[in-house]
Amino acid sequence: MLAPSISATCFRPATQQSHPARIPPSAVVVTRRQCRAAIQAKAATGAPVDTDKVVAVIKQCIDKPNSVPAPVVLDAMLQLESQKLPVDGWQDILQAPGTHWKLVFTADDKQVQAAKKQKPNKGGIYFPLAACQKFDGTRLDFENGVFLGPLAFLTFNGPYAMKGRQLQFDVVSMNIGIGPWRFSIPIKKNAKAVADMDPQDAKKLPFFLYAYVNKDIVVARGRSGGLAIWQRASKDWEAQAGVMAVYK
């Protein structure tokens, strides 16, 4: 768990200066040992989770990639997940018209399980590629993919349905773009809406279990057991990454 004072424990300058306010960001050094100690200290106290402080850690990892050590980011995600926060309005935020979600950080199941047991782990990675997803609330169609600017993209799409904090989705088409050319390749024939599927088939679908959603940040667990963070994509980033030309 995170220490009560994140800024004081996990983001302390390595050396004291006579004018600390002038220390450049590059002078701030965070060791994994310091952060793990902060996490364990928080767990030992059994104190309630301060959701605002935890969200602030995630916001910093979004605003300044690589500024927060991966184990600390993963711990923040686990803390949010443990809170079972109310889900009111989450689906409306996810599928708000014109809103697309940029992938920022991922941790696989092995890293998640190790963190829960307070065992050493890498904590995950700041995702290095331009990956983005969208939810079309009118057609209930989900699309997710990787973008290489104007050069190429690869996306997958299909129907989705959300109940509570779980969003199930199916993948029925693969979409490829190379320069000006576009190809859509069907993966499933006679695809059905999730709500129209046989319940046993629906149980086999991939899904997200959302831990936290606001208008700028999403934290969720996938069916594989990993955790991830998305941020609401800016129009400038969408234009640069090539998303804007694909997600209309």
Protein backbone atom coordinates (compact mmCIF):
# COMPACT_ATOMS: atom_id res chain seq x y z
CA MET A 1 0.00 0.00 0.00
CA LEU A 2 1.06 3.62 -0.42
CA ALA A 3 2.40 5.60 2.48
CA PRO A 4 0.09 8.25 4.00
CA SER A 5 2.21 11.03 2.52
CA ILE A 6 3.05 10.02 -1.03
CA SER A 7 4.84 13.19 -1.94
CA ALA A 8 7.04 13.01 1.14
CA THR A 9 7.86 9.32 0.94
CA CYS A 10 7.95 8.26 -2.69
CA PHE A 11 8.99 11.44 -4.49
CA ARG A 12 11.66 12.91 -2.22
CA PRO A 13 14.71 14.58 -3.86
CA ALA A 14 17.83 12.44 -3.48
CA THR A 15 19.80 15.32 -1.96
CA GLN A 16 18.87 18.43 -0.04
CA GLN A 17 19.49 21.75 -1.75
CA SER A 18 19.56 25.22 -0.27
CA HIS A 19 16.78 26.17 -2.67
CA PRO A 20 14.63 23.05 -2.99
CA ALA A 21 11.97 24.84 -5.03
CA ARG A 22 14.50 25.14 -7.88
CA ILE A 23 15.35 21.45 -8.10
CA PRO A 24 14.65 20.33 -11.68
CA PRO A 25 12.49 17.25 -12.25
CA SER A 26 15.54 15.29 -13.43
CA ALA A 27 17.09 15.64 -9.97
CA VAL A 28 14.29 13.72 -8.28
CA VAL A 29 15.35 10.13 -7.68
CA VAL A 30 12.97 7.44 -6.49
CA THR A 31 14.30 4.05 -5.48
CA ARG A 32 12.21 0.92 -5.62
CA ARG A 33 13.25 0.12 -2.04
CA GLN A 34 11.84 3.45 -0.80
CA CYS A 35 8.54 2.91 -2.61
CA ARG A 36 8.16 -0.69 -1.48
CA ALA A 37 8.81 0.42 2.09
CA ALA A 38 6.09 3.06 1.71
CA ILE A 39 3.67 0.47 0.36
CA GLN A 40 4.38 -1.97 3.20
CA ALA A 41 4.10 0.77 5.82
CA LYS A 42 0.66 1.71 4.55
CA ALA A 43 -0.43 -1.94 4.59
CA ALA A 44 0.85 -2.41 8.14
CA THR A 45 -1.22 0.47 9.50
CA GLY A 46 -4.48 -0.92 8.14
CA ALA A 47 -5.54 2.69 7.56
CA PRO A 48 -8.42 3.44 5.15
CA VAL A 49 -7.44 4.18 1.58
CA ASP A 50 -7.40 7.87 0.68
CA THR A 51 -8.95 7.64 -2.77
CA ASP A 52 -7.97 11.20 -3.71
CA LYS A 53 -4.29 10.52 -2.96
CA VAL A 54 -4.34 7.25 -4.87
CA VAL A 55 -5.97 8.90 -7.89
CA ALA A 56 -3.33 11.67 -7.66
CA VAL A 57 -0.61 9.01 -8.10
CA ILE A 58 -2.34 7.67 -11.20
CA LYS A 59 -2.85 11.19 -12.55
CA GLN A 60 0.87 11.89 -12.12
CA CYS A 61 1.78 8.70 -14.00
CA ILE A 62 -0.46 9.93 -16.84
CA ASP A 63 0.71 13.55 -16.85
CA LYS A 64 4.41 12.67 -16.48
CA PRO A 65 5.04 9.18 -17.89
CA ASN A 66 7.76 7.22 -16.06
CA SER A 67 7.78 9.72 -13.18
CA VAL A 68 6.09 7.22 -10.87
CA PRO A 69 7.77 3.80 -10.40
CA ALA A 70 5.73 0.98 -11.90
CA PRO A 71 5.28 -0.90 -8.56
CA VAL A 72 3.73 2.23 -7.06
CA VAL A 73 1.36 2.62 -10.02
CA LEU A 74 0.31 -1.01 -9.71
CA ASP A 75 -0.30 -0.63 -5.98
CA ALA A 76 -2.47 2.41 -6.64
CA MET A 77 -4.57 0.41 -9.09
CA LEU A 78 -4.99 -2.40 -6.56
CA GLN A 79 -6.05 0.08 -3.89
CA LEU A 80 -8.73 1.54 -6.16
CA GLU A 81 -9.93 -1.93 -7.06
CA SER A 82 -10.23 -2.87 -3.39
CA GLN A 83 -12.59 0.04 -2.72
CA LYS A 84 -15.48 -1.29 -4.84
CA LEU A 85 -16.45 2.28 -5.69
CA PRO A 86 -19.99 3.14 -6.86
CA VAL A 87 -20.40 2.68 -10.61
CA ASP A 88 -23.08 5.31 -11.17
CA GLY A 89 -22.54 7.08 -14.49
CA TRP A 90 -19.48 5.05 -15.51
CA GLN A 91 -20.98 3.68 -18.72
CA ASP A 92 -22.08 7.15 -19.80
CA ILE A 93 -18.53 8.41 -19.32
CA LEU A 94 -16.95 5.52 -21.21
CA GLN A 95 -19.22 5.91 -24.23
CA ALA A 96 -19.59 9.70 -24.26
CA PRO A 97 -19.73 10.89 -27.89
CA GLY A 98 -16.32 11.78 -29.26
CA THR A 99 -14.49 10.28 -26.27
CA HIS A 100 -11.63 7.88 -26.96
CA TRP A 101 -9.38 6.20 -24.39
CA LYS A 102 -5.60 6.10 -24.74
CA LEU A 103 -3.78 3.18 -23.07
CA VAL A 104 -1.14 4.44 -20.64
CA PHE A 105 -0.01 1.63 -18.35
CA THR A 106 -0.41 -2.15 -18.12
CA ALA A 107 0.46 -4.85 -15.58
CA ASP A 108 0.01 -8.53 -16.38
CA ASP A 109 -1.56 -11.14 -14.11
CA LYS A 110 1.78 -12.39 -12.74
CA GLN A 111 2.78 -8.89 -11.70
CA VAL A 112 -0.66 -8.25 -10.18
CA GLN A 113 -0.58 -11.45 -8.15
CA ALA A 114 2.97 -10.78 -6.95
CA ALA A 115 2.02 -7.26 -5.86
CA LYS A 116 -1.02 -8.53 -3.94
CA LYS A 117 1.29 -10.92 -2.06
CA GLN A 118 3.84 -8.11 -1.55
CA LYS A 119 6.46 -10.04 -3.48
CA PRO A 120 9.11 -8.35 -5.65
CA ASN A 121 7.83 -7.55 -9.13
CA LYS A 122 8.42 -5.12 -11.97
CA GLY A 123 4.98 -3.61 -11.48
CA GLY A 124 4.07 -3.30 -15.15
CA ILE A 125 5.05 -1.00 -18.01
CA TYR A 126 4.19 2.39 -19.39
CA PHE A 127 2.71 1.26 -22.71
CA PRO A 128 5.16 2.27 -25.47
CA LEU A 129 2.80 2.30 -28.47
CA ALA A 130 -0.17 4.45 -29.43
CA ALA A 131 -3.13 2.27 -28.44
CA CYS A 132 -6.66 3.58 -28.17
CA GLN A 133 -10.20 2.29 -27.70
CA LYS A 134 -13.68 3.67 -28.13
CA PHE A 135 -17.23 2.75 -27.20
CA ASP A 136 -20.06 3.69 -29.56
CA GLY A 137 -23.08 3.96 -27.28
CA THR A 138 -25.51 4.25 -30.19
CA ARG A 139 -24.50 1.03 -31.93
CA LEU A 140 -23.03 -0.62 -28.80
CA ASP A 141 -19.85 -1.28 -30.77
CA PHE A 142 -16.41 -1.47 -29.14
CA GLU A 143 -13.19 -0.86 -31.08
CA ASN A 144 -9.64 -1.17 -29.83
CA GLY A 145 -6.33 -0.95 -31.66
CA VAL A 146 -2.78 0.22 -32.22
CA PHE A 147 -1.89 3.21 -34.40
CA LEU A 148 1.29 4.21 -36.24
CA GLY A 149 0.43 7.76 -37.20
CA PRO A 150 -0.51 8.15 -40.88
CA LEU A 151 1.38 4.97 -41.81
CA ALA A 152 -0.81 2.16 -40.48
CA PHE A 153 -3.26 0.92 -37.88
CA LEU A 154 -4.72 -2.35 -36.65
CA THR A 155 -8.02 -2.43 -34.75
CA PHE A 156 -10.57 -5.01 -33.65
CA ASN A 157 -14.23 -4.33 -33.05
CA GLY A 158 -17.47 -5.96 -31.98
CA PRO A 159 -20.54 -5.60 -29.76
CA TYR A 160 -20.41 -4.89 -26.05
CA ALA A 161 -22.73 -4.74 -23.07
CA MET A 162 -22.13 -3.36 -19.60
CA LYS A 163 -23.72 -4.45 -16.35
CA GLY A 164 -22.50 -2.98 -13.10
CA ARG A 165 -18.72 -2.71 -13.27
CA GLN A 166 -18.33 -5.47 -15.88
CA LEU A 167 -18.23 -4.73 -19.59
CA GLN A 168 -18.32 -7.78 -21.86
CA PHE A 169 -17.36 -7.53 -25.50
CA ASP A 170 -16.99 -9.73 -28.56
CA VAL A 171 -14.51 -9.42 -31.42
CA VAL A 172 -16.13 -9.88 -34.81
CA SER A 173 -13.92 -7.90 -37.25
CA MET A 174 -10.26 -7.03 -37.76
CA ASN A 175 -9.56 -3.69 -39.42
CA ILE A 176 -6.27 -2.88 -41.12
CA GLY A 177 -5.05 0.40 -42.51
CA ILE A 178 -1.90 0.89 -44.58
CA GLY A 179 -1.49 4.44 -45.83
CA PRO A 180 -4.74 5.35 -47.65
CA TRP A 181 -5.91 1.72 -47.94
CA ARG A 182 -8.46 0.20 -45.55
CA PHE A 183 -9.41 -3.44 -45.11
CA SER A 184 -12.00 -5.02 -42.83
CA ILE A 185 -11.77 -8.79 -42.31
CA PRO A 186 -14.68 -10.61 -40.66
CA ILE A 187 -13.64 -12.88 -37.78
CA LYS A 188 -17.11 -14.15 -36.86
CA LYS A 189 -20.11 -14.66 -39.09
CA ASN A 190 -23.66 -14.05 -37.92
CA ALA A 191 -22.42 -12.05 -34.94
CA LYS A 192 -25.00 -11.29 -32.27
CA ALA A 193 -25.39 -8.52 -29.76
CA VAL A 194 -24.05 -9.58 -26.37
CA ALA A 195 -27.55 -9.36 -24.88
CA ASP A 196 -28.84 -11.81 -27.52
CA MET A 197 -26.18 -14.46 -26.93
CA ASP A 198 -26.71 -17.74 -25.19
CA PRO A 199 -25.73 -17.09 -21.53
CA GLN A 200 -23.14 -19.89 -21.66
CA ASP A 201 -21.50 -18.33 -24.73
CA ALA A 202 -21.59 -14.89 -23.15
CA LYS A 203 -19.67 -16.19 -20.13
CA LYS A 204 -16.74 -17.02 -22.42
CA LEU A 205 -16.42 -13.48 -23.76
CA PRO A 206 -13.51 -11.19 -22.86
CA PHE A 207 -14.41 -8.44 -20.42
CA PHE A 208 -13.23 -5.49 -18.37
CA LEU A 209 -13.96 -5.13 -14.66
CA TYR A 210 -13.77 -1.42 -13.91
CA ALA A 211 -12.18 -0.26 -10.69
CA TYR A 212 -12.35 3.49 -11.34
CA VAL A 213 -13.82 5.76 -14.01
CA ASN A 214 -13.96 9.52 -14.24
CA LYS A 215 -14.04 11.86 -17.22
CA ASP A 216 -10.25 11.66 -17.64
CA ILE A 217 -9.07 8.35 -16.13
CA VAL A 218 -10.08 4.69 -16.39
CA VAL A 219 -8.67 1.78 -14.37
CA ALA A 220 -9.82 -1.75 -15.16
CA ARG A 221 -8.92 -5.42 -14.92
CA GLY A 222 -9.12 -7.68 -17.98
CA ARG A 223 -10.26 -11.27 -18.18
CA SER A 224 -6.63 -12.41 -18.15
CA GLY A 225 -6.20 -10.87 -14.70
CA GLY A 226 -4.04 -7.91 -15.69
CA LEU A 227 -4.73 -4.29 -14.77
CA ALA A 228 -4.48 -1.21 -16.97
CA ILE A 229 -4.87 2.55 -16.99
CA TRP A 230 -6.35 4.63 -19.80
CA GLN A 231 -6.66 8.38 -20.14
CA ARG A 232 -9.12 10.38 -22.20
CA ALA A 233 -7.26 11.07 -25.44
CA SER A 234 -6.71 14.68 -26.44
CA LYS A 235 -7.53 15.77 -29.98
CA ASP A 236 -3.90 16.76 -30.56
CA TRP A 237 -2.70 13.30 -29.57
CA GLU A 238 -5.39 11.64 -31.71
CA ALA A 239 -4.31 13.66 -34.75
CA GLN A 240 -0.62 12.85 -34.22
CA ALA A 241 -1.21 9.14 -33.55
CA GLY A 242 -3.54 8.69 -36.49
CA VAL A 243 -6.57 7.89 -34.33
CA MET A 244 -8.61 10.83 -35.55
CA ALA A 245 -8.59 9.54 -39.14
CA VAL A 246 -9.97 6.15 -38.04
CA TYR A 247 -12.29 6.81 -35.10
CA LYS A 248 -14.88 9.14 -36.58
